[in-house]
Amino acid sequence: DLDLLARTLAQGHALALEPVLVAIRDWPAFVADYSTRESFAEEPDYSTILEEMSDEEDGDEEEGGPSKLRRPYRVLEQVFRHFDIIGAIDWRSEPGETQSQVDIMLQRLGVSDFDWSFVDILSEHGDGTELANQNFLTLLRDELAKRNLAFVHLQTFGDSYGFAVIPSGDYASIAGMERDLVLNVSHEFGADEGYKKGRRILMKHRSQ
């Protein structure tokens, strides 16, 4: 499953995909090949990634966590974030932080004219709940769908939202993918009533 997820998210980005596939398919080979790899400007610092993972796993093992199952996805997450293939925000983030990350993803997909005006409409006519992360991300999902793009939620069961943008036609192959307690793939971001209010506001002001 992770192999398919990696290839789907990477969209042909060979420099990012190669080490991730090694980590997924042969963890000892990844450690052997990348633990002493020199760090180049365009690449992540793999030795640091492995050191940080080792520290995290020490804590996981003390708690009985599935550390071995986390390893390949942790590499995917770190490498793909380095190359702006996936993004992440936490519950405190403002919409602009999401926008800057998504813009890079859109440029890679050849989209340079995405309409972000819905953010201004909600800022002017909403009460703020529409732009809470769970609602803003869901509204952004709807806007991206109009461009035949899927906004993917990579839920890692922490306090952050991981996300990626891929062509809509590619989403079905990874939708609902789960890996124990490490990862869940969906296009749901936990929207509440603020999302419905946001939709109503956008429909009203776009029809005028």
N, C-alpha and C. Protein backbone atom coordinates (compact mmCIF):
# COMPACT_ATOMS: atom_id res chain seq x y z
N ASP A 1 0.81 -1.21 0.00
CA ASP A 1 0.00 0.00 0.00
C ASP A 1 0.86 1.27 0.00
N LEU A 2 1.89 1.29 0.82
CA LEU A 2 2.74 2.48 0.87
C LEU A 2 3.46 2.71 -0.45
N ASP A 3 3.81 1.63 -1.12
CA ASP A 3 4.44 1.72 -2.43
C ASP A 3 3.52 2.48 -3.39
N LEU A 4 2.26 2.08 -3.43
CA LEU A 4 1.28 2.73 -4.30
C LEU A 4 1.06 4.17 -3.87
N LEU A 5 0.96 4.41 -2.57
CA LEU A 5 0.77 5.77 -2.07
C LEU A 5 1.94 6.65 -2.49
N ALA A 6 3.15 6.17 -2.33
CA ALA A 6 4.33 6.96 -2.67
C ALA A 6 4.33 7.33 -4.16
N ARG A 7 4.05 6.35 -5.01
CA ARG A 7 4.07 6.61 -6.45
C ARG A 7 2.95 7.55 -6.86
N THR A 8 1.81 7.44 -6.21
CA THR A 8 0.68 8.30 -6.55
C THR A 8 0.94 9.74 -6.13
N LEU A 9 1.46 9.93 -4.93
CA LEU A 9 1.73 11.28 -4.45
C LEU A 9 2.89 11.94 -5.21
N ALA A 10 3.90 11.16 -5.54
CA ALA A 10 5.10 11.74 -6.16
C ALA A 10 4.85 12.24 -7.57
N GLN A 11 3.87 11.66 -8.27
CA GLN A 11 3.55 12.09 -9.63
C GLN A 11 4.79 12.19 -10.52
N GLY A 12 5.65 11.17 -10.42
CA GLY A 12 6.81 11.10 -11.29
C GLY A 12 8.04 11.85 -10.82
N HIS A 13 8.03 12.38 -9.60
CA HIS A 13 9.18 13.11 -9.07
C HIS A 13 10.24 12.09 -8.65
N ALA A 14 11.15 11.77 -9.56
CA ALA A 14 12.08 10.65 -9.37
C ALA A 14 13.03 10.87 -8.19
N LEU A 15 13.52 12.08 -8.02
CA LEU A 15 14.50 12.35 -6.96
C LEU A 15 13.89 12.11 -5.58
N ALA A 16 12.62 12.43 -5.44
CA ALA A 16 11.94 12.19 -4.17
C ALA A 16 11.52 10.73 -4.02
N LEU A 17 11.08 10.13 -5.11
CA LEU A 17 10.49 8.80 -5.04
C LEU A 17 11.52 7.70 -4.80
N GLU A 18 12.69 7.81 -5.38
CA GLU A 18 13.67 6.73 -5.31
C GLU A 18 14.00 6.32 -3.87
N PRO A 19 14.43 7.24 -2.99
CA PRO A 19 14.76 6.79 -1.62
C PRO A 19 13.55 6.28 -0.85
N VAL A 20 12.39 6.82 -1.12
CA VAL A 20 11.19 6.39 -0.42
C VAL A 20 10.85 4.94 -0.79
N LEU A 21 10.96 4.61 -2.06
CA LEU A 21 10.68 3.23 -2.47
C LEU A 21 11.70 2.26 -1.89
N VAL A 22 12.94 2.68 -1.76
CA VAL A 22 13.94 1.82 -1.13
C VAL A 22 13.56 1.57 0.32
N ALA A 23 13.15 2.63 1.03
CA ALA A 23 12.76 2.49 2.44
C ALA A 23 11.56 1.57 2.60
N ILE A 24 10.62 1.66 1.67
CA ILE A 24 9.41 0.83 1.75
C ILE A 24 9.72 -0.64 1.44
N ARG A 25 10.53 -0.86 0.42
CA ARG A 25 10.75 -2.22 -0.07
C ARG A 25 11.87 -2.97 0.67
N ASP A 26 12.86 -2.23 1.17
CA ASP A 26 14.00 -2.90 1.80
C ASP A 26 14.62 -1.96 2.83
N TRP A 27 14.07 -2.00 4.04
CA TRP A 27 14.53 -1.06 5.07
C TRP A 27 16.02 -1.19 5.37
N PRO A 28 16.59 -2.39 5.55
CA PRO A 28 18.03 -2.48 5.79
C PRO A 28 18.86 -1.85 4.67
N ALA A 29 18.43 -2.01 3.42
CA ALA A 29 19.15 -1.41 2.31
C ALA A 29 19.09 0.11 2.38
N PHE A 30 17.92 0.64 2.77
CA PHE A 30 17.80 2.09 2.91
C PHE A 30 18.77 2.61 3.96
N VAL A 31 18.80 1.95 5.10
CA VAL A 31 19.70 2.38 6.17
C VAL A 31 21.15 2.31 5.70
N ALA A 32 21.52 1.23 5.04
CA ALA A 32 22.89 1.05 4.58
C ALA A 32 23.28 2.10 3.54
N ASP A 33 22.36 2.39 2.64
CA ASP A 33 22.68 3.30 1.54
C ASP A 33 22.60 4.78 1.92
N TYR A 34 21.71 5.10 2.86
CA TYR A 34 21.43 6.52 3.11
C TYR A 34 21.91 7.04 4.47
N SER A 35 22.30 6.17 5.38
CA SER A 35 22.69 6.65 6.70
C SER A 35 23.99 7.44 6.66
N THR A 36 24.85 7.14 5.70
CA THR A 36 26.12 7.87 5.58
C THR A 36 26.18 8.70 4.30
N ARG A 37 25.05 8.89 3.67
CA ARG A 37 25.01 9.63 2.41
C ARG A 37 25.31 11.10 2.66
N GLU A 38 26.16 11.68 1.82
CA GLU A 38 26.44 13.11 1.94
C GLU A 38 25.19 13.91 1.62
N SER A 39 25.01 15.00 2.32
CA SER A 39 23.83 15.84 2.11
C SER A 39 24.11 16.86 1.01
N PHE A 40 23.29 16.81 -0.03
CA PHE A 40 23.39 17.77 -1.12
C PHE A 40 22.28 18.80 -0.99
N ALA A 41 22.48 19.95 -1.60
CA ALA A 41 21.55 21.07 -1.42
C ALA A 41 20.12 20.71 -1.79
N GLU A 42 19.96 19.88 -2.83
CA GLU A 42 18.61 19.60 -3.31
C GLU A 42 17.98 18.39 -2.61
N GLU A 43 18.74 17.73 -1.74
CA GLU A 43 18.24 16.54 -1.09
C GLU A 43 18.06 16.75 0.41
N PRO A 44 17.22 15.93 1.03
CA PRO A 44 17.12 15.98 2.49
C PRO A 44 18.40 15.45 3.13
N ASP A 45 18.57 15.73 4.40
CA ASP A 45 19.69 15.19 5.17
C ASP A 45 19.23 13.85 5.74
N TYR A 46 19.53 12.78 5.02
CA TYR A 46 19.01 11.47 5.39
C TYR A 46 19.57 10.98 6.72
N SER A 47 20.82 11.27 7.00
CA SER A 47 21.39 10.81 8.26
C SER A 47 20.66 11.43 9.45
N THR A 48 20.28 12.70 9.32
CA THR A 48 19.52 13.36 10.39
C THR A 48 18.13 12.75 10.52
N ILE A 49 17.50 12.46 9.39
CA ILE A 49 16.18 11.82 9.42
C ILE A 49 16.25 10.50 10.18
N LEU A 50 17.26 9.70 9.90
CA LEU A 50 17.40 8.41 10.57
C LEU A 50 17.70 8.56 12.05
N GLU A 51 18.51 9.56 12.40
CA GLU A 51 18.82 9.80 13.81
C GLU A 51 17.55 10.21 14.57
N GLU A 52 16.77 11.10 13.97
CA GLU A 52 15.53 11.54 14.62
C GLU A 52 14.55 10.38 14.76
N MET A 53 14.48 9.53 13.74
CA MET A 53 13.59 8.38 13.80
C MET A 53 14.01 7.43 14.92
N SER A 54 15.32 7.25 15.08
CA SER A 54 15.82 6.37 16.13
C SER A 54 15.41 6.88 17.51
N ASP A 55 15.50 8.19 17.70
CA ASP A 55 15.08 8.78 18.98
C ASP A 55 13.58 8.59 19.20
N GLU A 56 12.79 8.78 18.14
CA GLU A 56 11.34 8.61 18.25
C GLU A 56 10.99 7.16 18.57
N GLU A 57 11.68 6.23 17.94
CA GLU A 57 11.39 4.82 18.13
C GLU A 57 11.70 4.35 19.55
N ASP A 58 12.72 4.93 20.16
CA ASP A 58 13.02 4.58 21.55
C ASP A 58 11.80 4.84 22.43
N GLY A 59 11.16 5.98 22.20
CA GLY A 59 9.96 6.32 22.97
C GLY A 59 8.80 5.42 22.60
N ASP A 60 8.66 5.10 21.32
CA ASP A 60 7.57 4.23 20.88
C ASP A 60 7.67 2.85 21.50
N GLU A 61 8.89 2.31 21.53
CA GLU A 61 9.07 0.97 22.05
C GLU A 61 8.76 0.91 23.54
N GLU A 62 9.10 1.99 24.25
CA GLU A 62 8.77 2.03 25.67
C GLU A 62 7.26 2.01 25.89
N GLU A 63 6.53 2.60 24.92
CA GLU A 63 5.07 2.64 25.02
C GLU A 63 4.41 1.47 24.31
N GLY A 64 5.22 0.60 23.70
CA GLY A 64 4.67 -0.54 22.98
C GLY A 64 4.14 -0.16 21.61
N GLY A 65 4.57 0.96 21.06
CA GLY A 65 4.07 1.42 19.76
C GLY A 65 4.66 0.65 18.60
N PRO A 66 3.99 0.70 17.42
CA PRO A 66 4.44 -0.06 16.24
C PRO A 66 5.54 0.68 15.48
N SER A 67 6.72 0.80 16.10
CA SER A 67 7.77 1.63 15.51
C SER A 67 8.22 1.14 14.14
N LYS A 68 8.32 -0.19 13.95
CA LYS A 68 8.78 -0.71 12.67
C LYS A 68 7.82 -0.36 11.55
N LEU A 69 6.54 -0.32 11.86
CA LEU A 69 5.57 0.02 10.84
C LEU A 69 5.61 1.50 10.48
N ARG A 70 6.11 2.32 11.37
CA ARG A 70 6.16 3.75 11.10
C ARG A 70 7.34 4.14 10.21
N ARG A 71 8.36 3.32 10.18
CA ARG A 71 9.60 3.73 9.53
C ARG A 71 9.42 4.15 8.07
N PRO A 72 8.85 3.29 7.20
CA PRO A 72 8.75 3.70 5.79
C PRO A 72 7.91 4.96 5.59
N TYR A 73 6.80 5.05 6.34
CA TYR A 73 5.99 6.25 6.16
C TYR A 73 6.70 7.48 6.68
N ARG A 74 7.45 7.35 7.75
CA ARG A 74 8.20 8.49 8.28
C ARG A 74 9.20 9.01 7.25
N VAL A 75 9.85 8.11 6.54
CA VAL A 75 10.76 8.54 5.46
C VAL A 75 9.97 9.23 4.36
N LEU A 76 8.86 8.62 3.96
CA LEU A 76 8.01 9.24 2.94
C LEU A 76 7.62 10.66 3.35
N GLU A 77 7.18 10.79 4.59
CA GLU A 77 6.72 12.08 5.09
C GLU A 77 7.84 13.12 5.05
N GLN A 78 9.00 12.76 5.55
CA GLN A 78 10.11 13.71 5.63
C GLN A 78 10.65 14.08 4.24
N VAL A 79 10.82 13.08 3.39
CA VAL A 79 11.36 13.34 2.05
C VAL A 79 10.37 14.12 1.20
N PHE A 80 9.10 13.71 1.23
CA PHE A 80 8.10 14.39 0.41
C PHE A 80 7.83 15.81 0.92
N ARG A 81 7.95 16.04 2.21
CA ARG A 81 7.80 17.41 2.71
C ARG A 81 8.98 18.26 2.25
N HIS A 82 10.16 17.68 2.21
CA HIS A 82 11.34 18.41 1.73
C HIS A 82 11.14 18.89 0.30
N PHE A 83 10.52 18.05 -0.52
CA PHE A 83 10.31 18.38 -1.92
C PHE A 83 8.94 19.03 -2.17
N ASP A 84 8.25 19.40 -1.10
CA ASP A 84 6.94 20.08 -1.21
C ASP A 84 5.90 19.24 -1.95
N ILE A 85 6.02 17.93 -1.87
CA ILE A 85 5.02 17.05 -2.44
C ILE A 85 3.84 16.91 -1.49
N ILE A 86 4.11 16.90 -0.21
CA ILE A 86 3.06 16.96 0.79
C ILE A 86 3.32 18.14 1.71
N GLY A 87 2.26 18.61 2.34
CA GLY A 87 2.36 19.73 3.27
C GLY A 87 1.76 19.35 4.59
N ALA A 88 1.91 20.22 5.57
CA ALA A 88 1.34 19.96 6.89
C ALA A 88 1.13 21.27 7.62
N ILE A 89 0.06 21.34 8.39
CA ILE A 89 -0.20 22.45 9.28
C ILE A 89 -0.68 21.88 10.60
N ASP A 90 -0.68 22.69 11.64
CA ASP A 90 -1.27 22.24 12.90
C ASP A 90 -2.52 23.07 13.19
N TRP A 91 -3.13 22.82 14.32
CA TRP A 91 -4.43 23.44 14.62
C TRP A 91 -4.34 24.95 14.78
N ARG A 92 -3.13 25.49 14.97
CA ARG A 92 -2.97 26.93 15.16
C ARG A 92 -2.75 27.68 13.85
N SER A 93 -2.54 26.97 12.75
CA SER A 93 -2.14 27.59 11.50
C SER A 93 -3.24 28.44 10.88
N GLU A 94 -2.82 29.50 10.19
CA GLU A 94 -3.73 30.37 9.46
C GLU A 94 -3.85 29.89 8.02
N PRO A 95 -4.93 30.28 7.30
CA PRO A 95 -5.10 29.84 5.91
C PRO A 95 -3.91 30.13 5.01
N GLY A 96 -3.22 31.24 5.26
CA GLY A 96 -2.09 31.59 4.41
C GLY A 96 -0.98 30.55 4.42
N GLU A 97 -0.82 29.85 5.53
CA GLU A 97 0.21 28.82 5.61
C GLU A 97 -0.14 27.65 4.71
N THR A 98 -1.41 27.30 4.67
CA THR A 98 -1.86 26.25 3.75
C THR A 98 -1.71 26.73 2.31
N GLN A 99 -2.13 27.95 2.06
CA GLN A 99 -2.10 28.49 0.69
C GLN A 99 -0.70 28.45 0.10
N SER A 100 0.30 28.85 0.86
CA SER A 100 1.66 28.89 0.33
C SER A 100 2.16 27.49 -0.03
N GLN A 101 1.78 26.50 0.76
CA GLN A 101 2.20 25.13 0.46
C GLN A 101 1.44 24.56 -0.74
N VAL A 102 0.15 24.82 -0.80
CA VAL A 102 -0.66 24.30 -1.91
C VAL A 102 -0.26 24.95 -3.23
N ASP A 103 0.10 26.22 -3.21
CA ASP A 103 0.52 26.89 -4.44
C ASP A 103 1.70 26.19 -5.10
N ILE A 104 2.64 25.72 -4.29
CA ILE A 104 3.79 25.00 -4.84
C ILE A 104 3.35 23.69 -5.48
N MET A 105 2.43 22.99 -4.84
CA MET A 105 1.91 21.75 -5.40
C MET A 105 1.18 22.01 -6.71
N LEU A 106 0.41 23.08 -6.75
CA LEU A 106 -0.33 23.41 -7.96
C LEU A 106 0.61 23.75 -9.12
N GLN A 107 1.65 24.48 -8.82
CA GLN A 107 2.63 24.83 -9.87
C GLN A 107 3.24 23.57 -10.47
N ARG A 108 3.54 22.59 -9.61
CA ARG A 108 4.11 21.34 -10.11
C ARG A 108 3.13 20.63 -11.05
N LEU A 109 1.84 20.80 -10.79
CA LEU A 109 0.82 20.17 -11.62
C LEU A 109 0.40 21.05 -12.80
N GLY A 110 1.09 22.16 -12.98
CA GLY A 110 0.83 23.03 -14.12
C GLY A 110 -0.32 23.99 -13.94
N VAL A 111 -0.73 24.23 -12.69
CA VAL A 111 -1.84 25.15 -12.41
C VAL A 111 -1.26 26.44 -11.85
N SER A 112 -1.42 27.52 -12.59
CA SER A 112 -0.87 28.80 -12.14
C SER A 112 -1.95 29.85 -11.92
N ASP A 113 -3.21 29.48 -12.12
CA ASP A 113 -4.30 30.46 -12.05
C ASP A 113 -5.40 30.02 -11.08
N PHE A 114 -5.04 29.30 -10.02
CA PHE A 114 -6.05 28.87 -9.07
C PHE A 114 -6.65 30.09 -8.38
N ASP A 115 -7.97 30.07 -8.21
CA ASP A 115 -8.70 31.21 -7.67
C ASP A 115 -8.84 31.08 -6.14
N TRP A 116 -8.08 31.89 -5.42
CA TRP A 116 -8.13 31.89 -3.96
C TRP A 116 -9.09 32.94 -3.41
N SER A 117 -9.88 33.56 -4.26
CA SER A 117 -10.75 34.64 -3.81
C SER A 117 -11.78 34.18 -2.79
N PHE A 118 -12.05 32.87 -2.74
CA PHE A 118 -13.02 32.39 -1.76
C PHE A 118 -12.57 32.68 -0.33
N VAL A 119 -11.26 32.76 -0.11
CA VAL A 119 -10.75 33.07 1.22
C VAL A 119 -11.13 34.50 1.61
N ASP A 120 -11.01 35.44 0.66
CA ASP A 120 -11.37 36.83 0.92
C ASP A 120 -12.87 36.96 1.18
N ILE A 121 -13.67 36.22 0.42
CA ILE A 121 -15.12 36.27 0.62
C ILE A 121 -15.48 35.79 2.02
N LEU A 122 -14.89 34.70 2.44
CA LEU A 122 -15.19 34.17 3.77
C LEU A 122 -14.66 35.08 4.87
N SER A 123 -13.52 35.70 4.63
CA SER A 123 -12.96 36.62 5.63
C SER A 123 -13.86 37.84 5.81
N GLU A 124 -14.44 38.31 4.70
CA GLU A 124 -15.26 39.52 4.75
C GLU A 124 -16.67 39.25 5.27
N HIS A 125 -17.23 38.12 4.91
CA HIS A 125 -18.65 37.88 5.19
C HIS A 125 -18.91 36.79 6.23
N GLY A 126 -17.88 36.10 6.68
CA GLY A 126 -18.07 35.05 7.67
C GLY A 126 -17.80 35.53 9.08
N ASP A 127 -17.92 34.62 10.02
CA ASP A 127 -17.66 34.97 11.42
C ASP A 127 -16.38 34.34 11.94
N GLY A 128 -15.60 33.73 11.06
CA GLY A 128 -14.33 33.13 11.45
C GLY A 128 -14.37 31.62 11.55
N THR A 129 -15.54 31.08 11.88
CA THR A 129 -15.62 29.63 12.02
C THR A 129 -15.43 28.92 10.67
N GLU A 130 -15.76 29.61 9.60
CA GLU A 130 -15.63 29.01 8.27
C GLU A 130 -14.16 28.77 7.90
N LEU A 131 -13.27 29.57 8.53
CA LEU A 131 -11.85 29.46 8.21
C LEU A 131 -11.07 28.67 9.26
N ALA A 132 -11.77 28.08 10.23
CA ALA A 132 -11.10 27.13 11.12
C ALA A 132 -10.55 26.01 10.24
N ASN A 133 -9.41 25.48 10.60
CA ASN A 133 -8.70 24.57 9.70
C ASN A 133 -9.56 23.46 9.13
N GLN A 134 -10.35 22.78 9.98
CA GLN A 134 -11.13 21.64 9.48
C GLN A 134 -12.14 22.06 8.43
N ASN A 135 -12.63 23.30 8.52
CA ASN A 135 -13.61 23.80 7.56
C ASN A 135 -12.94 24.41 6.34
N PHE A 136 -11.89 25.18 6.56
CA PHE A 136 -11.16 25.78 5.45
C PHE A 136 -10.58 24.70 4.53
N LEU A 137 -9.98 23.68 5.12
CA LEU A 137 -9.41 22.61 4.30
C LEU A 137 -10.47 21.88 3.50
N THR A 138 -11.65 21.73 4.08
CA THR A 138 -12.75 21.06 3.36
C THR A 138 -13.27 21.94 2.24
N LEU A 139 -13.39 23.24 2.49
CA LEU A 139 -13.80 24.16 1.43
C LEU A 139 -12.76 24.22 0.32
N LEU A 140 -11.49 24.19 0.70
CA LEU A 140 -10.42 24.15 -0.30
C LEU A 140 -10.52 22.87 -1.12
N ARG A 141 -10.82 21.76 -0.48
CA ARG A 141 -11.03 20.51 -1.21
C ARG A 141 -12.08 20.68 -2.30
N ASP A 142 -13.19 21.35 -1.95
CA ASP A 142 -14.27 21.56 -2.92
C ASP A 142 -13.81 22.43 -4.08
N GLU A 143 -13.02 23.48 -3.77
CA GLU A 143 -12.55 24.38 -4.82
C GLU A 143 -11.57 23.66 -5.75
N LEU A 144 -10.71 22.84 -5.18
CA LEU A 144 -9.75 22.09 -6.00
C LEU A 144 -10.46 21.07 -6.89
N ALA A 145 -11.55 20.50 -6.38
CA ALA A 145 -12.29 19.52 -7.17
C ALA A 145 -12.82 20.12 -8.47
N LYS A 146 -13.11 21.42 -8.44
CA LYS A 146 -13.58 22.09 -9.65
C LYS A 146 -12.52 22.11 -10.74
N ARG A 147 -11.27 21.94 -10.34
CA ARG A 147 -10.16 21.89 -11.31
C ARG A 147 -9.71 20.45 -11.55
N ASN A 148 -10.57 19.49 -11.19
CA ASN A 148 -10.25 18.07 -11.34
C ASN A 148 -9.00 17.68 -10.55
N LEU A 149 -8.91 18.26 -9.36
CA LEU A 149 -7.81 17.96 -8.46
C LEU A 149 -8.36 17.43 -7.14
N ALA A 150 -7.72 16.44 -6.59
CA ALA A 150 -8.12 15.88 -5.29
C ALA A 150 -7.21 16.44 -4.21
N PHE A 151 -7.83 16.84 -3.11
CA PHE A 151 -7.08 17.32 -1.94
C PHE A 151 -7.08 16.18 -0.93
N VAL A 152 -5.94 15.58 -0.73
CA VAL A 152 -5.81 14.36 0.04
C VAL A 152 -5.42 14.67 1.48
N HIS A 153 -6.14 14.09 2.42
CA HIS A 153 -5.81 14.21 3.84
C HIS A 153 -4.98 13.00 4.25
N LEU A 154 -3.76 13.26 4.70
CA LEU A 154 -2.88 12.22 5.20
C LEU A 154 -2.89 12.32 6.72
N GLN A 155 -3.77 11.56 7.33
CA GLN A 155 -3.95 11.65 8.78
C GLN A 155 -2.98 10.70 9.48
N THR A 156 -2.14 11.27 10.35
CA THR A 156 -1.15 10.46 11.06
C THR A 156 -1.45 10.38 12.55
N PHE A 157 -2.68 10.74 12.92
CA PHE A 157 -3.16 10.57 14.29
C PHE A 157 -2.42 11.44 15.30
N GLY A 158 -1.85 12.54 14.82
CA GLY A 158 -1.27 13.54 15.70
C GLY A 158 -2.18 14.76 15.72
N ASP A 159 -1.61 15.92 16.07
CA ASP A 159 -2.42 17.14 16.13
C ASP A 159 -2.24 18.01 14.90
N SER A 160 -1.75 17.40 13.80
CA SER A 160 -1.53 18.16 12.58
C SER A 160 -2.36 17.58 11.43
N TYR A 161 -2.49 18.38 10.38
CA TYR A 161 -3.15 17.93 9.15
C TYR A 161 -2.06 17.78 8.08
N GLY A 162 -1.92 16.58 7.55
CA GLY A 162 -1.06 16.38 6.39
C GLY A 162 -1.92 16.40 5.14
N PHE A 163 -1.38 16.92 4.03
CA PHE A 163 -2.20 17.01 2.82
C PHE A 163 -1.33 17.00 1.57
N ALA A 164 -1.98 16.68 0.46
CA ALA A 164 -1.33 16.69 -0.84
C ALA A 164 -2.38 16.96 -1.91
N VAL A 165 -1.93 17.44 -3.06
CA VAL A 165 -2.82 17.68 -4.19
C VAL A 165 -2.40 16.76 -5.33
N ILE A 166 -3.35 16.00 -5.86
CA ILE A 166 -3.08 15.11 -6.98
C ILE A 166 -4.24 15.19 -7.96
N PRO A 167 -4.07 14.73 -9.19
CA PRO A 167 -5.20 14.68 -10.13
C PRO A 167 -6.33 13.82 -9.57
N SER A 168 -7.56 14.27 -9.77
CA SER A 168 -8.71 13.55 -9.22
C SER A 168 -8.76 12.10 -9.65
N GLY A 169 -8.36 11.83 -10.88
CA GLY A 169 -8.41 10.47 -11.38
C GLY A 169 -7.49 9.51 -10.66
N ASP A 170 -6.49 10.03 -9.95
CA ASP A 170 -5.54 9.18 -9.24
C ASP A 170 -5.97 8.90 -7.80
N TYR A 171 -6.98 9.61 -7.34
CA TYR A 171 -7.33 9.50 -5.93
C TYR A 171 -7.94 8.15 -5.57
N ALA A 172 -8.73 7.58 -6.45
CA ALA A 172 -9.44 6.34 -6.13
C ALA A 172 -8.50 5.22 -5.71
N SER A 173 -7.30 5.20 -6.26
CA SER A 173 -6.37 4.10 -5.98
C SER A 173 -5.83 4.14 -4.56
N ILE A 174 -5.90 5.30 -3.89
CA ILE A 174 -5.36 5.40 -2.53
C ILE A 174 -6.42 5.76 -1.50
N ALA A 175 -7.63 6.05 -1.93
CA ALA A 175 -8.69 6.45 -1.00
C ALA A 175 -8.96 5.36 0.02
N GLY A 176 -9.05 5.76 1.28
CA GLY A 176 -9.34 4.82 2.34
C GLY A 176 -8.18 3.95 2.78
N MET A 177 -7.01 4.21 2.22
CA MET A 177 -5.84 3.42 2.58
C MET A 177 -5.50 3.62 4.06
N GLU A 178 -5.22 2.53 4.75
CA GLU A 178 -4.84 2.59 6.16
C GLU A 178 -3.61 1.73 6.39
N ARG A 179 -2.81 2.15 7.34
CA ARG A 179 -1.65 1.33 7.74
C ARG A 179 -1.61 1.30 9.26
N ASP A 180 -2.25 0.28 9.81
CA ASP A 180 -2.34 0.10 11.24
C ASP A 180 -2.74 1.43 11.91
N LEU A 181 -1.99 1.85 12.91
CA LEU A 181 -2.30 3.12 13.57
C LEU A 181 -1.36 4.22 13.10
N VAL A 182 -0.80 4.06 11.92
CA VAL A 182 0.20 5.00 11.42
C VAL A 182 -0.40 6.01 10.46
N LEU A 183 -1.34 5.60 9.63
CA LEU A 183 -1.78 6.47 8.55
C LEU A 183 -3.20 6.13 8.11
N ASN A 184 -3.97 7.16 7.78
CA ASN A 184 -5.26 6.99 7.13
C ASN A 184 -5.35 8.01 6.01
N VAL A 185 -5.78 7.57 4.83
CA VAL A 185 -5.86 8.44 3.66
C VAL A 185 -7.32 8.68 3.31
N SER A 186 -7.72 9.94 3.23
CA SER A 186 -9.09 10.26 2.89
C SER A 186 -9.13 11.67 2.28
N HIS A 187 -10.34 12.14 2.01
CA HIS A 187 -10.49 13.56 1.65
C HIS A 187 -11.41 14.27 2.64
N GLU A 188 -11.49 13.71 3.84
CA GLU A 188 -12.29 14.32 4.90
C GLU A 188 -11.36 14.96 5.93
N PHE A 189 -11.73 16.16 6.38
CA PHE A 189 -10.89 16.90 7.32
C PHE A 189 -11.62 17.22 8.62
N GLY A 190 -12.74 16.55 8.87
CA GLY A 190 -13.45 16.75 10.12
C GLY A 190 -14.26 18.03 10.16
N ALA A 191 -14.86 18.41 9.04
CA ALA A 191 -15.63 19.65 8.96
C ALA A 191 -16.81 19.65 9.92
N ASP A 192 -17.18 20.86 10.38
CA ASP A 192 -18.35 21.00 11.24
C ASP A 192 -19.33 22.00 10.61
N GLU A 193 -20.20 22.58 11.41
CA GLU A 193 -21.22 23.49 10.88
C GLU A 193 -20.62 24.71 10.18
N GLY A 194 -19.40 25.08 10.58
CA GLY A 194 -18.75 26.22 9.92
C GLY A 194 -18.52 25.99 8.44
N TYR A 195 -18.31 24.74 8.07
CA TYR A 195 -18.14 24.40 6.65
C TYR A 195 -19.43 24.66 5.88
N LYS A 196 -20.56 24.24 6.46
CA LYS A 196 -21.85 24.46 5.79
C LYS A 196 -22.14 25.95 5.66
N LYS A 197 -21.81 26.72 6.71
CA LYS A 197 -22.00 28.17 6.63
C LYS A 197 -21.12 28.75 5.54
N GLY A 198 -19.90 28.26 5.45
CA GLY A 198 -19.00 28.75 4.41
C GLY A 198 -19.53 28.48 3.02
N ARG A 199 -20.08 27.32 2.79
CA ARG A 199 -20.66 27.00 1.49
C ARG A 199 -21.81 27.94 1.16
N ARG A 200 -22.65 28.21 2.18
CA ARG A 200 -23.77 29.11 1.94
C ARG A 200 -23.29 30.52 1.59
N ILE A 201 -22.28 30.98 2.30
CA ILE A 201 -21.73 32.31 2.03
C ILE A 201 -21.17 32.39 0.62
N LEU A 202 -20.44 31.39 0.22
CA LEU A 202 -19.85 31.40 -1.13
C LEU A 202 -20.91 31.35 -2.20
N MET A 203 -21.93 30.53 -2.00
CA MET A 203 -23.01 30.45 -2.99
C MET A 203 -23.73 31.78 -3.12
N LYS A 204 -23.99 32.43 -2.00
CA LYS A 204 -24.70 33.70 -2.00
C LYS A 204 -23.91 34.78 -2.74
N HIS A 205 -22.66 34.94 -2.41
CA HIS A 205 -21.87 36.04 -2.95
C HIS A 205 -21.36 35.77 -4.36
N ARG A 206 -21.31 34.53 -4.76
CA ARG A 206 -20.91 34.24 -6.13
C ARG A 206 -22.08 34.33 -7.09
N SER A 207 -23.29 34.31 -6.57
CA SER A 207 -24.48 34.40 -7.41
C SER A 207 -24.90 35.85 -7.64
N GLN A 208 -24.28 36.77 -6.94
CA GLN A 208 -24.66 38.19 -7.07
C GLN A 208 -24.00 38.82 -8.28
